[in-house]
Amino acid sequence: MRKSLTKVEIKQIFREAAAIKNSGFKLLYRENGTGLSRMAVTTPRNYGNAVERNRTKRIIREVFRKIKEQLKSNGYDILFVVYKKDLEYKDTILELFSICGQAGILNVSE
């Protein structure tokens, strides 16, 4: 299995995956059964210029890198659709933790 998601796999995620949405993000996810979680980020076509889109994707990738260790070990294909502009790192990490928790893909150690 590839480390990154291909265009075909991303289209499959849009068609088949479960979805959770909050004010600025939509999380589409499906279990892949490999023990390896893979992630992609996309934005709507009208989401600012290339600089804004790329900055947003960098922030989301960095936050995912931080929370990846807390995902369940089943392995997931995860797609973040970002609607919110002007992302800040500390706000984004809280929102992504929240949406991943709602999806039930985080390990909860209580």
N, C-alpha and C. Protein backbone atom coordinates (compact mmCIF):
# COMPACT_ATOMS: atom_id res chain seq x y z
N MET A 1 0.85 -1.19 0.00
CA MET A 1 0.00 0.00 0.00
C MET A 1 0.89 1.24 0.00
N ARG A 2 0.51 2.19 -0.81
CA ARG A 2 1.27 3.44 -0.91
C ARG A 2 1.13 4.27 0.36
N LYS A 3 2.16 5.08 0.62
CA LYS A 3 2.14 5.95 1.79
C LYS A 3 1.20 7.14 1.60
N SER A 4 1.04 7.58 0.37
CA SER A 4 0.15 8.72 0.10
C SER A 4 -1.07 8.25 -0.68
N LEU A 5 -2.10 9.05 -0.63
CA LEU A 5 -3.34 8.73 -1.34
C LEU A 5 -3.24 9.15 -2.79
N THR A 6 -3.71 8.30 -3.68
CA THR A 6 -3.74 8.63 -5.10
C THR A 6 -5.04 9.36 -5.43
N LYS A 7 -5.10 9.93 -6.61
CA LYS A 7 -6.30 10.65 -7.05
C LYS A 7 -7.52 9.71 -7.07
N VAL A 8 -7.33 8.49 -7.51
CA VAL A 8 -8.41 7.51 -7.57
C VAL A 8 -8.90 7.20 -6.15
N GLU A 9 -7.98 7.02 -5.22
CA GLU A 9 -8.36 6.73 -3.83
C GLU A 9 -9.10 7.91 -3.19
N ILE A 10 -8.68 9.12 -3.51
CA ILE A 10 -9.36 10.30 -2.99
C ILE A 10 -10.80 10.35 -3.52
N LYS A 11 -11.00 10.03 -4.78
CA LYS A 11 -12.35 9.99 -5.34
C LYS A 11 -13.19 8.92 -4.65
N GLN A 12 -12.59 7.77 -4.34
CA GLN A 12 -13.30 6.71 -3.62
C GLN A 12 -13.70 7.18 -2.22
N ILE A 13 -12.81 7.92 -1.57
CA ILE A 13 -13.13 8.43 -0.24
C ILE A 13 -14.33 9.36 -0.31
N PHE A 14 -14.36 10.25 -1.30
CA PHE A 14 -15.50 11.14 -1.45
C PHE A 14 -16.80 10.36 -1.63
N ARG A 15 -16.75 9.24 -2.36
CA ARG A 15 -17.95 8.45 -2.62
C ARG A 15 -18.37 7.58 -1.44
N GLU A 16 -17.40 6.94 -0.77
CA GLU A 16 -17.72 5.85 0.15
C GLU A 16 -17.50 6.15 1.63
N ALA A 17 -16.75 7.17 1.96
CA ALA A 17 -16.32 7.36 3.34
C ALA A 17 -17.40 8.00 4.21
N ALA A 18 -17.27 7.76 5.51
CA ALA A 18 -18.12 8.45 6.47
C ALA A 18 -17.64 9.89 6.60
N ALA A 19 -18.54 10.79 6.97
CA ALA A 19 -18.18 12.21 7.02
C ALA A 19 -18.66 12.85 8.31
N ILE A 20 -17.83 13.74 8.83
CA ILE A 20 -18.17 14.58 9.99
C ILE A 20 -17.84 16.01 9.58
N LYS A 21 -18.72 16.94 9.92
CA LYS A 21 -18.48 18.33 9.52
C LYS A 21 -18.63 19.23 10.74
N ASN A 22 -17.75 20.22 10.84
CA ASN A 22 -17.94 21.28 11.83
C ASN A 22 -17.85 22.62 11.10
N SER A 23 -17.66 23.70 11.82
CA SER A 23 -17.77 25.02 11.21
C SER A 23 -16.76 25.29 10.10
N GLY A 24 -15.55 24.76 10.21
CA GLY A 24 -14.54 25.10 9.22
C GLY A 24 -13.98 23.93 8.44
N PHE A 25 -14.32 22.70 8.85
CA PHE A 25 -13.71 21.52 8.24
C PHE A 25 -14.75 20.45 7.98
N LYS A 26 -14.43 19.60 7.03
CA LYS A 26 -15.18 18.38 6.82
C LYS A 26 -14.16 17.25 6.83
N LEU A 27 -14.42 16.23 7.61
CA LEU A 27 -13.53 15.08 7.73
C LEU A 27 -14.20 13.89 7.08
N LEU A 28 -13.57 13.33 6.07
CA LEU A 28 -14.05 12.11 5.45
C LEU A 28 -13.03 11.03 5.81
N TYR A 29 -13.51 9.88 6.26
CA TYR A 29 -12.57 8.85 6.71
C TYR A 29 -13.14 7.47 6.43
N ARG A 30 -12.24 6.54 6.24
CA ARG A 30 -12.61 5.13 6.11
C ARG A 30 -11.44 4.30 6.60
N GLU A 31 -11.77 3.18 7.16
CA GLU A 31 -10.74 2.27 7.67
C GLU A 31 -10.11 1.56 6.48
N ASN A 32 -8.76 1.48 6.48
CA ASN A 32 -8.11 0.79 5.37
C ASN A 32 -7.52 -0.55 5.79
N GLY A 33 -7.50 -0.85 7.09
CA GLY A 33 -7.09 -2.16 7.57
C GLY A 33 -5.61 -2.47 7.45
N THR A 34 -4.79 -1.49 7.16
CA THR A 34 -3.36 -1.75 6.98
C THR A 34 -2.53 -1.40 8.21
N GLY A 35 -3.12 -0.68 9.14
CA GLY A 35 -2.35 -0.21 10.29
C GLY A 35 -1.60 1.07 9.99
N LEU A 36 -1.73 1.58 8.78
CA LEU A 36 -1.06 2.81 8.37
C LEU A 36 -2.12 3.84 8.02
N SER A 37 -2.09 4.97 8.70
CA SER A 37 -3.05 6.03 8.39
C SER A 37 -2.47 6.98 7.35
N ARG A 38 -3.30 7.29 6.35
CA ARG A 38 -2.89 8.19 5.28
C ARG A 38 -3.84 9.37 5.24
N MET A 39 -3.34 10.52 4.82
CA MET A 39 -4.12 11.75 4.89
C MET A 39 -3.91 12.58 3.64
N ALA A 40 -4.98 13.28 3.26
CA ALA A 40 -4.91 14.26 2.18
C ALA A 40 -5.72 15.48 2.60
N VAL A 41 -5.37 16.62 2.03
CA VAL A 41 -6.07 17.87 2.33
C VAL A 41 -6.54 18.46 1.01
N THR A 42 -7.76 18.95 1.01
CA THR A 42 -8.27 19.62 -0.18
C THR A 42 -9.06 20.86 0.25
N THR A 43 -9.16 21.80 -0.66
CA THR A 43 -9.91 23.02 -0.41
C THR A 43 -10.88 23.23 -1.58
N PRO A 44 -11.96 23.96 -1.37
CA PRO A 44 -12.87 24.26 -2.48
C PRO A 44 -12.16 25.12 -3.54
N ARG A 45 -12.69 25.16 -4.70
CA ARG A 45 -12.06 25.90 -5.81
C ARG A 45 -11.97 27.40 -5.53
N ASN A 46 -12.90 27.93 -4.76
CA ASN A 46 -12.91 29.37 -4.51
C ASN A 46 -12.17 29.75 -3.24
N TYR A 47 -11.26 28.92 -2.78
CA TYR A 47 -10.54 29.16 -1.53
C TYR A 47 -9.27 29.97 -1.80
N GLY A 48 -9.39 31.25 -1.93
CA GLY A 48 -8.24 32.15 -2.04
C GLY A 48 -7.28 31.82 -3.17
N ASN A 49 -6.08 32.38 -3.05
CA ASN A 49 -5.07 32.14 -4.09
C ASN A 49 -4.18 30.97 -3.68
N ALA A 50 -3.19 30.66 -4.50
CA ALA A 50 -2.34 29.50 -4.26
C ALA A 50 -1.56 29.62 -2.95
N VAL A 51 -1.15 30.80 -2.58
CA VAL A 51 -0.41 31.00 -1.34
C VAL A 51 -1.28 30.62 -0.14
N GLU A 52 -2.51 31.07 -0.13
CA GLU A 52 -3.43 30.74 0.96
C GLU A 52 -3.72 29.24 1.02
N ARG A 53 -3.98 28.64 -0.14
CA ARG A 53 -4.27 27.19 -0.17
C ARG A 53 -3.07 26.39 0.34
N ASN A 54 -1.89 26.71 -0.12
CA ASN A 54 -0.70 25.97 0.29
C ASN A 54 -0.38 26.16 1.77
N ARG A 55 -0.56 27.36 2.29
CA ARG A 55 -0.32 27.61 3.72
C ARG A 55 -1.31 26.78 4.55
N THR A 56 -2.55 26.77 4.14
CA THR A 56 -3.57 25.98 4.84
C THR A 56 -3.21 24.50 4.84
N LYS A 57 -2.80 23.99 3.70
CA LYS A 57 -2.43 22.57 3.62
C LYS A 57 -1.22 22.26 4.48
N ARG A 58 -0.25 23.16 4.55
CA ARG A 58 0.92 22.95 5.41
C ARG A 58 0.52 22.87 6.87
N ILE A 59 -0.37 23.76 7.29
CA ILE A 59 -0.82 23.77 8.68
C ILE A 59 -1.55 22.46 9.00
N ILE A 60 -2.44 22.03 8.13
CA ILE A 60 -3.20 20.80 8.37
C ILE A 60 -2.27 19.59 8.41
N ARG A 61 -1.29 19.53 7.51
CA ARG A 61 -0.35 18.41 7.51
C ARG A 61 0.47 18.38 8.79
N GLU A 62 0.88 19.53 9.29
CA GLU A 62 1.65 19.60 10.54
C GLU A 62 0.80 19.16 11.72
N VAL A 63 -0.44 19.60 11.78
CA VAL A 63 -1.33 19.20 12.87
C VAL A 63 -1.57 17.69 12.80
N PHE A 64 -1.78 17.17 11.60
CA PHE A 64 -1.99 15.72 11.45
C PHE A 64 -0.76 14.95 11.92
N ARG A 65 0.41 15.46 11.63
CA ARG A 65 1.64 14.80 12.08
C ARG A 65 1.67 14.70 13.60
N LYS A 66 1.16 15.73 14.28
CA LYS A 66 1.13 15.74 15.74
C LYS A 66 0.10 14.76 16.30
N ILE A 67 -1.06 14.64 15.65
CA ILE A 67 -2.12 13.79 16.22
C ILE A 67 -2.11 12.37 15.67
N LYS A 68 -1.27 12.10 14.68
CA LYS A 68 -1.26 10.78 14.04
C LYS A 68 -0.98 9.65 15.04
N GLU A 69 -0.14 9.91 16.03
CA GLU A 69 0.20 8.88 17.02
C GLU A 69 -1.00 8.53 17.90
N GLN A 70 -1.99 9.40 17.97
CA GLN A 70 -3.15 9.17 18.82
C GLN A 70 -4.32 8.55 18.06
N LEU A 71 -4.15 8.26 16.79
CA LEU A 71 -5.19 7.59 16.02
C LEU A 71 -5.22 6.12 16.38
N LYS A 72 -6.38 5.51 16.24
CA LYS A 72 -6.49 4.08 16.47
C LYS A 72 -5.59 3.35 15.49
N SER A 73 -5.12 2.19 15.89
CA SER A 73 -4.10 1.49 15.10
C SER A 73 -4.65 0.73 13.90
N ASN A 74 -5.94 0.81 13.63
CA ASN A 74 -6.53 0.10 12.49
C ASN A 74 -5.99 0.59 11.16
N GLY A 75 -5.67 1.85 11.09
CA GLY A 75 -5.25 2.48 9.84
C GLY A 75 -6.44 3.09 9.14
N TYR A 76 -6.34 4.36 8.82
CA TYR A 76 -7.44 5.08 8.18
C TYR A 76 -6.94 5.86 6.98
N ASP A 77 -7.81 6.00 6.00
CA ASP A 77 -7.62 6.96 4.92
C ASP A 77 -8.45 8.17 5.32
N ILE A 78 -7.80 9.31 5.47
CA ILE A 78 -8.45 10.50 5.99
C ILE A 78 -8.32 11.63 4.98
N LEU A 79 -9.42 12.32 4.76
CA LEU A 79 -9.43 13.46 3.86
C LEU A 79 -10.03 14.65 4.60
N PHE A 80 -9.27 15.72 4.70
CA PHE A 80 -9.75 16.96 5.31
C PHE A 80 -10.14 17.92 4.19
N VAL A 81 -11.37 18.39 4.21
CA VAL A 81 -11.81 19.44 3.30
C VAL A 81 -11.88 20.70 4.15
N VAL A 82 -11.13 21.72 3.77
CA VAL A 82 -10.99 22.93 4.58
C VAL A 82 -11.82 24.05 3.96
N TYR A 83 -12.72 24.62 4.76
CA TYR A 83 -13.54 25.74 4.32
C TYR A 83 -13.11 27.05 4.99
N LYS A 84 -12.57 26.93 6.18
CA LYS A 84 -12.25 28.09 6.99
C LYS A 84 -10.95 28.73 6.50
N LYS A 85 -10.97 30.04 6.32
CA LYS A 85 -9.78 30.77 5.89
C LYS A 85 -9.05 31.34 7.10
N ASP A 86 -7.84 31.80 6.88
CA ASP A 86 -7.02 32.42 7.92
C ASP A 86 -6.83 31.50 9.12
N LEU A 87 -6.35 30.30 8.87
CA LEU A 87 -6.13 29.33 9.94
C LEU A 87 -4.95 29.72 10.81
N GLU A 88 -5.09 29.51 12.09
CA GLU A 88 -4.00 29.65 13.04
C GLU A 88 -3.70 28.27 13.59
N TYR A 89 -2.42 27.99 13.82
CA TYR A 89 -2.01 26.65 14.23
C TYR A 89 -2.70 26.20 15.50
N LYS A 90 -2.69 27.01 16.56
CA LYS A 90 -3.23 26.55 17.85
C LYS A 90 -4.73 26.34 17.80
N ASP A 91 -5.46 27.14 17.03
CA ASP A 91 -6.90 26.92 16.88
C ASP A 91 -7.17 25.67 16.05
N THR A 92 -6.36 25.46 15.03
CA THR A 92 -6.55 24.33 14.13
C THR A 92 -6.34 23.01 14.85
N ILE A 93 -5.33 22.95 15.69
CA ILE A 93 -5.05 21.68 16.39
C ILE A 93 -6.22 21.30 17.29
N LEU A 94 -6.83 22.28 17.94
CA LEU A 94 -7.99 21.98 18.79
C LEU A 94 -9.19 21.53 17.96
N GLU A 95 -9.43 22.19 16.84
CA GLU A 95 -10.56 21.83 15.99
C GLU A 95 -10.40 20.44 15.38
N LEU A 96 -9.17 20.12 14.94
CA LEU A 96 -8.96 18.81 14.34
C LEU A 96 -9.03 17.70 15.38
N PHE A 97 -8.52 17.94 16.60
CA PHE A 97 -8.69 16.97 17.68
C PHE A 97 -10.18 16.73 17.92
N SER A 98 -10.94 17.80 17.94
CA SER A 98 -12.38 17.71 18.20
C SER A 98 -13.08 16.89 17.12
N ILE A 99 -12.81 17.20 15.86
CA ILE A 99 -13.51 16.52 14.77
C ILE A 99 -13.08 15.05 14.67
N CYS A 100 -11.80 14.76 14.94
CA CYS A 100 -11.34 13.37 14.93
C CYS A 100 -11.95 12.60 16.10
N GLY A 101 -12.12 13.27 17.24
CA GLY A 101 -12.79 12.64 18.38
C GLY A 101 -14.24 12.32 18.08
N GLN A 102 -14.93 13.24 17.42
CA GLN A 102 -16.34 13.01 17.03
C GLN A 102 -16.44 11.83 16.07
N ALA A 103 -15.45 11.67 15.22
CA ALA A 103 -15.46 10.57 14.25
C ALA A 103 -15.15 9.24 14.92
N GLY A 104 -14.57 9.28 16.12
CA GLY A 104 -14.25 8.04 16.83
C GLY A 104 -12.98 7.37 16.33
N ILE A 105 -12.08 8.12 15.74
CA ILE A 105 -10.85 7.53 15.23
C ILE A 105 -9.65 7.77 16.13
N LEU A 106 -9.87 8.48 17.25
CA LEU A 106 -8.79 8.72 18.21
C LEU A 106 -8.85 7.68 19.33
N ASN A 107 -7.68 7.28 19.82
CA ASN A 107 -7.62 6.44 21.01
C ASN A 107 -7.97 7.30 22.21
N VAL A 108 -8.90 6.86 23.02
CA VAL A 108 -9.30 7.59 24.20
C VAL A 108 -8.76 6.85 25.41
N SER A 109 -7.85 7.49 26.13
CA SER A 109 -7.28 6.85 27.31
C SER A 109 -7.75 7.60 28.55
N GLU A 110 -8.81 7.10 29.13
CA GLU A 110 -9.37 7.74 30.31
C GLU A 110 -9.33 6.79 31.47
